[in-house]
N, C-alpha and C. Protein backbone atom coordinates (compact mmCIF):
# COMPACT_ATOMS: atom_id res chain seq x y z
N MET A 1 -3.64 -8.37 1.41
CA MET A 1 -2.57 -7.36 1.28
C MET A 1 -2.26 -7.19 -0.22
N PRO A 2 -2.31 -5.97 -0.74
CA PRO A 2 -1.98 -5.72 -2.18
C PRO A 2 -0.59 -6.10 -2.50
N THR A 3 -0.39 -6.50 -3.73
CA THR A 3 0.91 -6.98 -4.21
C THR A 3 2.02 -6.00 -3.91
N GLN A 4 1.76 -4.70 -4.06
CA GLN A 4 2.81 -3.72 -3.83
C GLN A 4 3.24 -3.73 -2.38
N ARG A 5 2.38 -3.95 -1.44
CA ARG A 5 2.80 -3.98 -0.06
C ARG A 5 3.58 -5.26 0.22
N ILE A 6 3.23 -6.35 -0.36
CA ILE A 6 3.96 -7.60 -0.19
C ILE A 6 5.35 -7.45 -0.72
N VAL A 7 5.46 -6.83 -1.88
CA VAL A 7 6.84 -6.64 -2.47
C VAL A 7 7.59 -5.72 -1.61
N PHE A 8 7.02 -4.58 -1.15
CA PHE A 8 7.71 -3.63 -0.29
C PHE A 8 8.17 -4.30 1.02
N THR A 9 7.32 -5.12 1.57
CA THR A 9 7.68 -5.84 2.81
C THR A 9 8.83 -6.77 2.63
N ALA A 10 8.79 -7.49 1.51
CA ALA A 10 9.87 -8.45 1.15
C ALA A 10 11.21 -7.66 0.94
N LEU A 11 11.12 -6.58 0.20
CA LEU A 11 12.30 -5.73 -0.03
C LEU A 11 12.81 -5.20 1.29
N ALA A 12 11.94 -4.77 2.12
CA ALA A 12 12.41 -4.17 3.42
C ALA A 12 13.08 -5.26 4.23
N ALA A 13 12.53 -6.50 4.37
CA ALA A 13 13.18 -7.54 5.08
C ALA A 13 14.58 -7.83 4.43
N ALA A 14 14.60 -7.85 3.10
CA ALA A 14 15.89 -8.11 2.43
C ALA A 14 16.93 -7.01 2.71
N LEU A 15 16.48 -5.76 2.77
CA LEU A 15 17.43 -4.67 3.10
C LEU A 15 17.98 -4.83 4.57
N ILE A 16 17.13 -5.20 5.47
CA ILE A 16 17.59 -5.39 6.86
C ILE A 16 18.67 -6.52 6.81
N ALA A 17 18.40 -7.52 6.07
CA ALA A 17 19.38 -8.64 5.94
C ALA A 17 20.68 -8.19 5.36
N VAL A 18 20.60 -7.34 4.35
CA VAL A 18 21.80 -6.76 3.74
C VAL A 18 22.61 -6.03 4.75
N GLY A 19 21.90 -5.27 5.55
CA GLY A 19 22.56 -4.46 6.65
C GLY A 19 23.36 -5.36 7.63
N ALA A 20 22.91 -6.60 7.80
CA ALA A 20 23.57 -7.51 8.67
C ALA A 20 24.89 -7.97 8.15
N TYR A 21 25.05 -7.90 6.82
CA TYR A 21 26.29 -8.35 6.25
C TYR A 21 27.42 -7.34 6.47
N VAL A 22 27.07 -6.15 6.69
CA VAL A 22 28.10 -5.09 7.01
C VAL A 22 28.25 -5.10 8.56
N ALA A 23 29.20 -6.03 9.00
CA ALA A 23 29.39 -6.24 10.46
C ALA A 23 30.82 -5.99 10.85
N VAL A 24 30.95 -5.10 11.86
CA VAL A 24 32.27 -4.82 12.43
C VAL A 24 32.27 -5.37 13.89
N PRO A 25 33.11 -6.37 14.15
CA PRO A 25 33.15 -6.89 15.49
C PRO A 25 33.77 -5.96 16.48
N VAL A 26 33.04 -5.65 17.55
CA VAL A 26 33.53 -4.77 18.61
C VAL A 26 33.30 -5.43 20.01
N GLY A 27 33.17 -6.68 19.97
CA GLY A 27 32.87 -7.37 21.25
C GLY A 27 31.86 -8.42 21.00
N PRO A 28 31.01 -8.69 21.98
CA PRO A 28 29.98 -9.76 21.77
C PRO A 28 28.86 -9.33 20.91
N VAL A 29 28.71 -8.01 20.61
CA VAL A 29 27.69 -7.54 19.73
C VAL A 29 28.38 -6.73 18.62
N PRO A 30 28.24 -7.18 17.32
CA PRO A 30 28.92 -6.42 16.29
C PRO A 30 28.13 -5.08 15.90
N VAL A 31 28.83 -4.19 15.29
CA VAL A 31 28.22 -2.99 14.70
C VAL A 31 27.74 -3.40 13.33
N THR A 32 26.48 -3.23 13.02
CA THR A 32 25.96 -3.56 11.70
C THR A 32 25.11 -2.40 11.20
N LEU A 33 24.57 -2.55 9.97
CA LEU A 33 23.72 -1.54 9.42
C LEU A 33 22.27 -2.01 9.44
N GLN A 34 21.99 -3.04 10.21
CA GLN A 34 20.60 -3.47 10.30
C GLN A 34 19.64 -2.46 10.80
N THR A 35 20.06 -1.67 11.85
CA THR A 35 19.18 -0.66 12.37
C THR A 35 18.98 0.48 11.35
N LEU A 36 19.94 0.79 10.57
CA LEU A 36 19.84 1.87 9.55
C LEU A 36 18.71 1.48 8.63
N PHE A 37 18.69 0.21 8.14
CA PHE A 37 17.63 -0.20 7.19
C PHE A 37 16.36 -0.40 7.89
N LEU A 38 16.39 -0.95 9.09
CA LEU A 38 15.13 -1.21 9.85
C LEU A 38 14.40 0.11 10.09
N ILE A 39 15.05 1.14 10.55
CA ILE A 39 14.44 2.39 10.82
C ILE A 39 13.99 3.07 9.55
N THR A 40 14.77 2.99 8.48
CA THR A 40 14.39 3.68 7.18
C THR A 40 13.19 3.02 6.65
N VAL A 41 13.19 1.68 6.53
CA VAL A 41 11.95 1.06 5.86
C VAL A 41 10.78 1.20 6.80
N SER A 42 10.97 1.28 8.09
CA SER A 42 9.79 1.47 8.95
C SER A 42 9.17 2.84 8.81
N LEU A 43 10.05 3.89 8.70
CA LEU A 43 9.54 5.25 8.42
C LEU A 43 8.86 5.29 7.10
N LEU A 44 9.38 4.64 6.08
CA LEU A 44 8.80 4.68 4.76
C LEU A 44 7.55 3.86 4.68
N GLY A 45 7.51 2.69 5.29
CA GLY A 45 6.38 1.77 5.05
C GLY A 45 5.28 1.94 6.05
N GLY A 46 5.60 2.53 7.18
CA GLY A 46 4.57 2.62 8.26
C GLY A 46 4.49 1.38 9.14
N PHE A 47 3.53 1.39 10.10
CA PHE A 47 3.44 0.43 11.09
C PHE A 47 3.28 -0.93 10.53
N ARG A 48 2.28 -1.25 9.69
CA ARG A 48 2.01 -2.59 9.23
C ARG A 48 3.19 -3.21 8.50
N ILE A 49 3.81 -2.45 7.61
CA ILE A 49 4.93 -3.00 6.84
C ILE A 49 6.14 -3.16 7.75
N ALA A 50 6.29 -2.25 8.66
CA ALA A 50 7.41 -2.40 9.66
C ALA A 50 7.29 -3.65 10.49
N LEU A 51 6.08 -3.93 10.96
CA LEU A 51 5.86 -5.10 11.73
C LEU A 51 6.08 -6.38 10.88
N SER A 52 5.51 -6.41 9.71
CA SER A 52 5.64 -7.54 8.79
C SER A 52 7.07 -7.81 8.39
N ALA A 53 7.79 -6.70 7.99
CA ALA A 53 9.15 -6.88 7.54
C ALA A 53 10.12 -7.35 8.63
N SER A 54 9.90 -6.81 9.85
CA SER A 54 10.78 -7.23 11.01
C SER A 54 10.50 -8.69 11.34
N LEU A 55 9.25 -9.07 11.38
CA LEU A 55 8.95 -10.45 11.66
C LEU A 55 9.43 -11.36 10.61
N LEU A 56 9.29 -10.99 9.33
CA LEU A 56 9.77 -11.79 8.21
C LEU A 56 11.28 -11.95 8.25
N TYR A 57 11.99 -10.91 8.61
CA TYR A 57 13.44 -10.91 8.71
C TYR A 57 13.88 -11.97 9.83
N LEU A 58 13.17 -11.80 10.99
CA LEU A 58 13.51 -12.73 12.12
C LEU A 58 13.14 -14.18 11.78
N LEU A 59 12.04 -14.35 11.07
CA LEU A 59 11.66 -15.75 10.67
C LEU A 59 12.66 -16.34 9.72
N MET A 60 13.11 -15.47 8.76
CA MET A 60 14.15 -16.03 7.81
C MET A 60 15.44 -16.45 8.55
N GLY A 61 15.84 -15.64 9.58
CA GLY A 61 17.01 -16.00 10.31
C GLY A 61 16.70 -17.21 11.20
N ALA A 62 15.54 -17.36 11.80
CA ALA A 62 15.25 -18.42 12.68
C ALA A 62 15.27 -19.79 11.92
N VAL A 63 14.83 -19.79 10.71
CA VAL A 63 14.76 -21.05 9.95
C VAL A 63 16.13 -21.38 9.39
N GLY A 64 17.16 -20.53 9.61
CA GLY A 64 18.49 -20.84 9.18
C GLY A 64 18.99 -20.15 7.95
N LEU A 65 18.26 -19.22 7.35
CA LEU A 65 18.73 -18.46 6.30
C LEU A 65 19.87 -17.54 6.81
N PRO A 66 20.91 -17.32 6.02
CA PRO A 66 22.07 -16.55 6.51
C PRO A 66 21.81 -15.02 6.50
N VAL A 67 20.89 -14.56 7.33
CA VAL A 67 20.53 -13.16 7.28
C VAL A 67 20.99 -12.36 8.50
N PHE A 68 21.53 -13.04 9.48
CA PHE A 68 22.03 -12.37 10.64
C PHE A 68 23.51 -11.95 10.50
N SER A 69 24.01 -11.12 11.36
CA SER A 69 25.34 -10.62 11.26
C SER A 69 26.40 -11.67 10.93
N GLY A 70 27.30 -11.36 10.01
CA GLY A 70 28.22 -12.32 9.59
C GLY A 70 27.74 -13.36 8.64
N GLY A 71 26.56 -13.22 8.11
CA GLY A 71 25.97 -14.14 7.18
C GLY A 71 25.65 -15.52 7.80
N THR A 72 25.04 -15.42 9.03
CA THR A 72 24.68 -16.60 9.80
C THR A 72 23.20 -16.63 10.03
N GLY A 73 22.67 -17.76 10.47
CA GLY A 73 21.26 -17.91 10.72
C GLY A 73 21.03 -19.00 11.76
N GLY A 74 19.86 -19.19 12.17
CA GLY A 74 19.50 -20.24 13.06
C GLY A 74 18.88 -19.71 14.35
N ILE A 75 18.03 -20.53 14.91
CA ILE A 75 17.25 -20.14 16.15
C ILE A 75 18.24 -19.90 17.32
N ALA A 76 19.43 -20.49 17.35
CA ALA A 76 20.34 -20.29 18.42
C ALA A 76 20.74 -18.82 18.60
N HIS A 77 20.66 -18.04 17.56
CA HIS A 77 21.00 -16.61 17.69
C HIS A 77 20.08 -15.84 18.69
N PHE A 78 18.84 -16.39 18.84
CA PHE A 78 17.96 -15.73 19.81
C PHE A 78 18.35 -15.97 21.25
N PHE A 79 19.16 -16.98 21.43
CA PHE A 79 19.63 -17.32 22.79
C PHE A 79 21.09 -16.90 23.02
N SER A 80 21.66 -16.23 22.09
CA SER A 80 23.04 -15.71 22.15
C SER A 80 23.00 -14.33 22.80
N PRO A 81 24.16 -13.73 23.04
CA PRO A 81 24.30 -12.42 23.58
C PRO A 81 23.57 -11.33 22.68
N THR A 82 23.42 -11.58 21.41
CA THR A 82 22.70 -10.63 20.53
C THR A 82 21.23 -10.91 20.47
N GLY A 83 20.71 -11.91 21.10
CA GLY A 83 19.28 -12.23 20.98
C GLY A 83 18.38 -11.09 21.32
N GLY A 84 18.68 -10.40 22.39
CA GLY A 84 17.80 -9.30 22.78
C GLY A 84 17.76 -8.16 21.80
N TYR A 85 18.83 -7.95 21.14
CA TYR A 85 18.84 -6.89 20.07
C TYR A 85 17.97 -7.37 18.94
N LEU A 86 18.08 -8.62 18.55
CA LEU A 86 17.23 -9.12 17.46
C LEU A 86 15.74 -9.03 17.83
N ILE A 87 15.40 -9.54 18.96
CA ILE A 87 14.01 -9.46 19.42
C ILE A 87 13.49 -7.98 19.51
N GLY A 88 14.39 -7.16 19.93
CA GLY A 88 14.02 -5.70 20.04
C GLY A 88 13.72 -5.01 18.74
N MET A 89 14.09 -5.71 17.63
CA MET A 89 13.83 -5.08 16.34
C MET A 89 12.33 -5.01 15.98
N VAL A 90 11.60 -5.91 16.52
CA VAL A 90 10.10 -5.90 16.26
C VAL A 90 9.44 -4.71 16.89
N PRO A 91 9.52 -4.46 18.22
CA PRO A 91 8.86 -3.30 18.72
C PRO A 91 9.49 -2.01 18.17
N ALA A 92 10.82 -2.02 17.95
CA ALA A 92 11.49 -0.84 17.35
C ALA A 92 10.94 -0.47 16.02
N ALA A 93 10.71 -1.53 15.22
CA ALA A 93 10.10 -1.28 13.87
C ALA A 93 8.68 -0.71 13.97
N CYS A 94 7.98 -1.31 14.95
CA CYS A 94 6.54 -0.80 15.11
C CYS A 94 6.55 0.66 15.54
N ILE A 95 7.42 1.03 16.44
CA ILE A 95 7.49 2.38 16.90
C ILE A 95 7.88 3.33 15.72
N ALA A 96 8.95 2.99 15.06
CA ALA A 96 9.35 3.88 13.87
C ALA A 96 8.28 3.87 12.84
N GLY A 97 7.59 2.72 12.60
CA GLY A 97 6.54 2.65 11.67
C GLY A 97 5.35 3.55 12.06
N PHE A 98 4.96 3.51 13.34
CA PHE A 98 3.91 4.40 13.77
C PHE A 98 4.22 5.86 13.52
N PHE A 99 5.42 6.23 13.96
CA PHE A 99 5.82 7.60 13.71
C PHE A 99 5.96 7.97 12.24
N GLY A 100 6.33 6.91 11.40
CA GLY A 100 6.43 7.14 9.99
C GLY A 100 5.07 7.32 9.42
N ASP A 101 4.07 6.63 9.90
CA ASP A 101 2.66 6.88 9.43
C ASP A 101 2.25 8.29 9.72
N GLN A 102 2.57 8.83 10.89
CA GLN A 102 2.25 10.20 11.27
C GLN A 102 2.97 11.19 10.42
N ALA A 103 4.30 10.98 10.21
CA ALA A 103 5.09 11.83 9.49
C ALA A 103 4.67 11.94 8.00
N SER A 104 4.20 10.76 7.52
CA SER A 104 3.83 10.81 6.08
C SER A 104 2.62 11.80 5.78
N CYS A 105 1.93 12.09 6.77
CA CYS A 105 0.83 13.06 6.58
C CYS A 105 1.25 14.48 6.29
N PHE A 106 2.53 14.77 6.61
CA PHE A 106 3.12 16.06 6.49
C PHE A 106 4.13 16.17 5.43
N ARG A 107 4.37 15.05 4.65
CA ARG A 107 5.47 14.98 3.68
C ARG A 107 5.35 16.09 2.71
N ASN A 108 4.22 16.36 2.16
CA ASN A 108 4.02 17.39 1.13
C ASN A 108 3.74 18.79 1.67
N THR A 109 3.71 18.97 2.94
CA THR A 109 3.41 20.36 3.48
C THR A 109 4.58 20.97 4.18
N SER A 110 5.29 20.18 5.02
CA SER A 110 6.31 20.78 5.80
C SER A 110 7.43 19.79 6.16
N ARG A 111 8.65 20.10 5.78
CA ARG A 111 9.79 19.28 6.10
C ARG A 111 10.01 19.24 7.60
N THR A 112 9.83 20.41 8.20
CA THR A 112 10.02 20.52 9.63
C THR A 112 9.04 19.66 10.43
N THR A 113 7.73 19.76 10.03
CA THR A 113 6.75 18.91 10.73
C THR A 113 7.01 17.51 10.50
N TRP A 114 7.39 17.10 9.31
CA TRP A 114 7.69 15.68 9.01
C TRP A 114 8.85 15.22 9.92
N LEU A 115 9.90 16.06 10.05
CA LEU A 115 10.99 15.68 10.92
C LEU A 115 10.57 15.65 12.40
N ILE A 116 9.69 16.52 12.79
CA ILE A 116 9.24 16.50 14.17
C ILE A 116 8.51 15.15 14.49
N TRP A 117 7.95 14.49 13.58
CA TRP A 117 7.34 13.18 13.75
C TRP A 117 8.39 12.08 13.56
N ALA A 118 9.17 12.17 12.48
CA ALA A 118 10.07 11.09 12.18
C ALA A 118 11.26 10.93 13.13
N LEU A 119 11.81 12.06 13.66
CA LEU A 119 12.99 11.97 14.52
C LEU A 119 12.70 11.24 15.79
N PRO A 120 11.66 11.55 16.51
CA PRO A 120 11.38 10.81 17.74
C PRO A 120 11.15 9.31 17.47
N GLY A 121 10.54 9.00 16.33
CA GLY A 121 10.30 7.57 16.00
C GLY A 121 11.69 6.89 15.87
N ALA A 122 12.61 7.48 15.17
CA ALA A 122 13.92 6.91 15.02
C ALA A 122 14.70 6.82 16.33
N LEU A 123 14.60 7.81 17.12
CA LEU A 123 15.26 7.79 18.45
C LEU A 123 14.69 6.70 19.37
N LEU A 124 13.39 6.68 19.49
CA LEU A 124 12.72 5.72 20.32
C LEU A 124 12.98 4.23 19.80
N ALA A 125 13.02 4.13 18.54
CA ALA A 125 13.31 2.77 17.98
C ALA A 125 14.64 2.26 18.42
N SER A 126 15.66 3.18 18.32
CA SER A 126 16.97 2.82 18.79
C SER A 126 17.02 2.55 20.29
N LEU A 127 16.32 3.35 21.06
CA LEU A 127 16.27 3.18 22.47
C LEU A 127 15.67 1.86 22.83
N VAL A 128 14.57 1.39 22.17
CA VAL A 128 13.96 0.09 22.45
C VAL A 128 14.94 -1.02 22.09
N ILE A 129 15.71 -0.87 21.10
CA ILE A 129 16.70 -1.96 20.80
C ILE A 129 17.68 -2.12 21.94
N TYR A 130 18.14 -0.98 22.51
CA TYR A 130 19.04 -1.01 23.66
C TYR A 130 18.31 -1.62 24.86
N MET A 131 17.03 -1.23 25.03
CA MET A 131 16.26 -1.69 26.24
C MET A 131 16.00 -3.17 26.26
N THR A 132 15.98 -3.80 25.12
CA THR A 132 15.85 -5.24 25.03
C THR A 132 17.20 -5.96 24.94
N GLY A 133 18.12 -5.34 24.25
CA GLY A 133 19.43 -5.92 24.03
C GLY A 133 20.36 -5.97 25.17
N VAL A 134 20.44 -4.82 25.92
CA VAL A 134 21.37 -4.72 27.05
C VAL A 134 21.04 -5.70 28.20
N PRO A 135 19.77 -5.76 28.61
CA PRO A 135 19.46 -6.75 29.66
C PRO A 135 19.71 -8.20 29.24
N TRP A 136 19.39 -8.52 28.00
CA TRP A 136 19.70 -9.83 27.48
C TRP A 136 21.16 -10.10 27.45
N LEU A 137 21.93 -9.13 27.05
CA LEU A 137 23.44 -9.29 27.02
C LEU A 137 23.96 -9.49 28.45
N LYS A 138 23.46 -8.75 29.39
CA LYS A 138 23.86 -8.89 30.73
C LYS A 138 23.53 -10.28 31.28
N ALA A 139 22.37 -10.76 31.01
CA ALA A 139 21.90 -12.05 31.56
C ALA A 139 22.69 -13.19 30.79
N SER A 140 22.90 -13.05 29.49
CA SER A 140 23.49 -14.18 28.77
C SER A 140 25.06 -14.25 29.08
N LEU A 141 25.64 -13.16 29.37
CA LEU A 141 27.08 -13.17 29.69
C LEU A 141 27.37 -13.21 31.20
N GLY A 142 26.39 -12.99 31.99
CA GLY A 142 26.58 -12.94 33.43
C GLY A 142 27.51 -11.83 33.90
N ILE A 143 27.30 -10.68 33.29
CA ILE A 143 28.14 -9.50 33.63
C ILE A 143 27.28 -8.44 34.36
N THR A 144 27.96 -7.46 34.86
CA THR A 144 27.28 -6.35 35.62
C THR A 144 26.65 -5.44 34.66
N TRP A 145 25.74 -4.63 35.22
CA TRP A 145 25.14 -3.58 34.35
C TRP A 145 26.12 -2.60 33.75
N ALA A 146 27.15 -2.29 34.47
CA ALA A 146 28.20 -1.44 33.87
C ALA A 146 28.86 -2.20 32.74
N GLY A 147 29.16 -3.47 32.92
CA GLY A 147 29.77 -4.18 31.86
C GLY A 147 28.89 -4.35 30.61
N ALA A 148 27.58 -4.53 30.91
CA ALA A 148 26.66 -4.65 29.74
C ALA A 148 26.55 -3.30 29.06
N ALA A 149 26.60 -2.22 29.78
CA ALA A 149 26.60 -0.91 29.09
C ALA A 149 27.81 -0.64 28.29
N ALA A 150 28.90 -1.05 28.90
CA ALA A 150 30.24 -0.85 28.22
C ALA A 150 30.29 -1.69 26.92
N ALA A 151 29.71 -2.88 26.94
CA ALA A 151 29.76 -3.77 25.81
C ALA A 151 28.63 -3.57 24.81
N GLY A 152 27.43 -3.14 25.38
CA GLY A 152 26.26 -3.09 24.49
C GLY A 152 25.68 -1.79 24.25
N ILE A 153 26.26 -0.70 24.80
CA ILE A 153 25.75 0.69 24.39
C ILE A 153 26.85 1.59 24.01
N ILE A 154 27.88 1.76 24.83
CA ILE A 154 28.94 2.73 24.58
C ILE A 154 29.53 2.61 23.13
N PRO A 155 29.90 1.42 22.69
CA PRO A 155 30.54 1.40 21.34
C PRO A 155 29.59 1.72 20.19
N PHE A 156 28.30 1.82 20.45
CA PHE A 156 27.34 1.99 19.42
C PHE A 156 26.77 3.41 19.29
N ILE A 157 26.94 4.23 20.28
CA ILE A 157 26.26 5.55 20.34
C ILE A 157 26.52 6.40 19.12
N ILE A 158 27.82 6.64 18.83
CA ILE A 158 28.17 7.53 17.70
C ILE A 158 27.61 6.91 16.38
N GLY A 159 27.85 5.59 16.17
CA GLY A 159 27.26 4.96 14.94
C GLY A 159 25.77 5.07 14.91
N ASP A 160 25.10 4.95 16.00
CA ASP A 160 23.67 5.02 15.98
C ASP A 160 23.11 6.40 15.67
N VAL A 161 23.80 7.37 16.15
CA VAL A 161 23.45 8.77 15.82
C VAL A 161 23.63 8.98 14.32
N LEU A 162 24.77 8.50 13.74
CA LEU A 162 24.96 8.62 12.28
C LEU A 162 23.86 7.81 11.53
N LYS A 163 23.60 6.63 11.99
CA LYS A 163 22.55 5.82 11.34
C LYS A 163 21.24 6.47 11.37
N ILE A 164 20.85 7.07 12.50
CA ILE A 164 19.57 7.74 12.58
C ILE A 164 19.51 8.92 11.60
N ALA A 165 20.61 9.69 11.52
CA ALA A 165 20.63 10.81 10.58
C ALA A 165 20.51 10.27 9.13
N ALA A 166 21.23 9.24 8.84
CA ALA A 166 21.13 8.62 7.48
C ALA A 166 19.71 8.07 7.23
N SER A 167 19.15 7.42 8.25
CA SER A 167 17.78 6.91 8.09
C SER A 167 16.77 8.03 7.75
N LEU A 168 16.90 9.09 8.46
CA LEU A 168 15.98 10.26 8.21
C LEU A 168 16.19 10.84 6.82
N ALA A 169 17.49 10.97 6.43
CA ALA A 169 17.71 11.48 5.06
C ALA A 169 17.21 10.50 4.00
N LEU A 170 17.43 9.27 4.12
CA LEU A 170 16.99 8.25 3.17
C LEU A 170 15.42 8.21 3.15
N ALA A 171 14.86 8.24 4.30
CA ALA A 171 13.33 8.19 4.31
C ALA A 171 12.77 9.47 3.68
N TRP A 172 13.37 10.62 3.87
CA TRP A 172 12.92 11.84 3.27
C TRP A 172 13.05 11.73 1.73
N ILE A 173 14.28 11.29 1.28
CA ILE A 173 14.55 11.24 -0.16
C ILE A 173 13.61 10.23 -0.83
N PHE A 174 13.36 9.05 -0.25
CA PHE A 174 12.58 8.01 -0.92
C PHE A 174 11.12 7.99 -0.55
N SER A 175 10.67 8.95 0.23
CA SER A 175 9.28 8.85 0.68
C SER A 175 8.28 9.03 -0.47
N ASP A 176 8.55 9.91 -1.38
CA ASP A 176 7.66 10.00 -2.55
C ASP A 176 7.49 8.70 -3.35
N ARG A 177 8.67 8.08 -3.61
CA ARG A 177 8.63 6.82 -4.35
C ARG A 177 7.99 5.70 -3.54
N ALA A 178 8.24 5.68 -2.29
CA ALA A 178 7.59 4.60 -1.43
C ALA A 178 6.12 4.88 -1.44
N SER A 179 5.72 6.08 -1.22
CA SER A 179 4.29 6.38 -1.23
C SER A 179 3.63 6.03 -2.53
N LEU A 180 4.26 6.31 -3.62
CA LEU A 180 3.69 5.92 -4.94
C LEU A 180 3.59 4.41 -5.12
N LEU A 181 4.62 3.69 -4.68
CA LEU A 181 4.59 2.24 -4.75
C LEU A 181 3.45 1.68 -3.88
N LEU A 182 3.31 2.18 -2.70
CA LEU A 182 2.43 1.65 -1.72
C LEU A 182 0.96 1.99 -2.07
N SER A 183 0.80 3.14 -2.74
CA SER A 183 -0.58 3.57 -3.10
C SER A 183 -1.05 3.00 -4.45
N ALA A 184 -0.15 2.49 -5.29
CA ALA A 184 -0.48 1.97 -6.56
C ALA A 184 -1.35 0.79 -6.39
N GLY A 185 -2.47 0.75 -7.03
CA GLY A 185 -3.41 -0.38 -6.98
C GLY A 185 -4.26 -0.34 -5.77
N ARG A 186 -4.20 0.71 -4.91
CA ARG A 186 -4.95 0.76 -3.68
C ARG A 186 -6.47 1.12 -4.09
N GLU A 187 -7.41 0.43 -3.57
CA GLU A 187 -8.75 0.78 -3.89
C GLU A 187 -9.28 1.91 -2.91
N ASP A 188 -9.80 2.95 -3.47
CA ASP A 188 -10.26 4.01 -2.57
C ASP A 188 -11.76 4.02 -2.48
């Protein structure tokens, strides 16, 4: 892996960690900016970097570095009510990264076509995080599906819509720079 991709991956994992420090408690699962940065860096870096950065972030947290919400870390977080949301970050990053790879082909030709690829990636990534997080929340707390939805979906919908919009705007704004960084030193 070229140095530029390693640096981008490390920066992406660090941004996801920074997003965890912005945490607003709203119940068993806090509102954070992790998904904002996860989706943004996935759209910018593509599938491989998204996968690597999300795994690196989770590895950092698993070994105890304070990268999870509230500046905490440790393997126990994977068994807590938020464990499913953390685990869901990997497939979510891969989905957003795949769509980011497709969208990048249209970056210089059409903003609309770029958005047609990037928006579904961001939406599906958020959906995957809910699909892994809510069942885990339900099982870990022993609550009903309605209770899990009330605690694990409803409080986050408006924020997630805003984070998706911000992710798309940031990915559009920084796509040229990210592309330049990632292509520097690439052998053709």
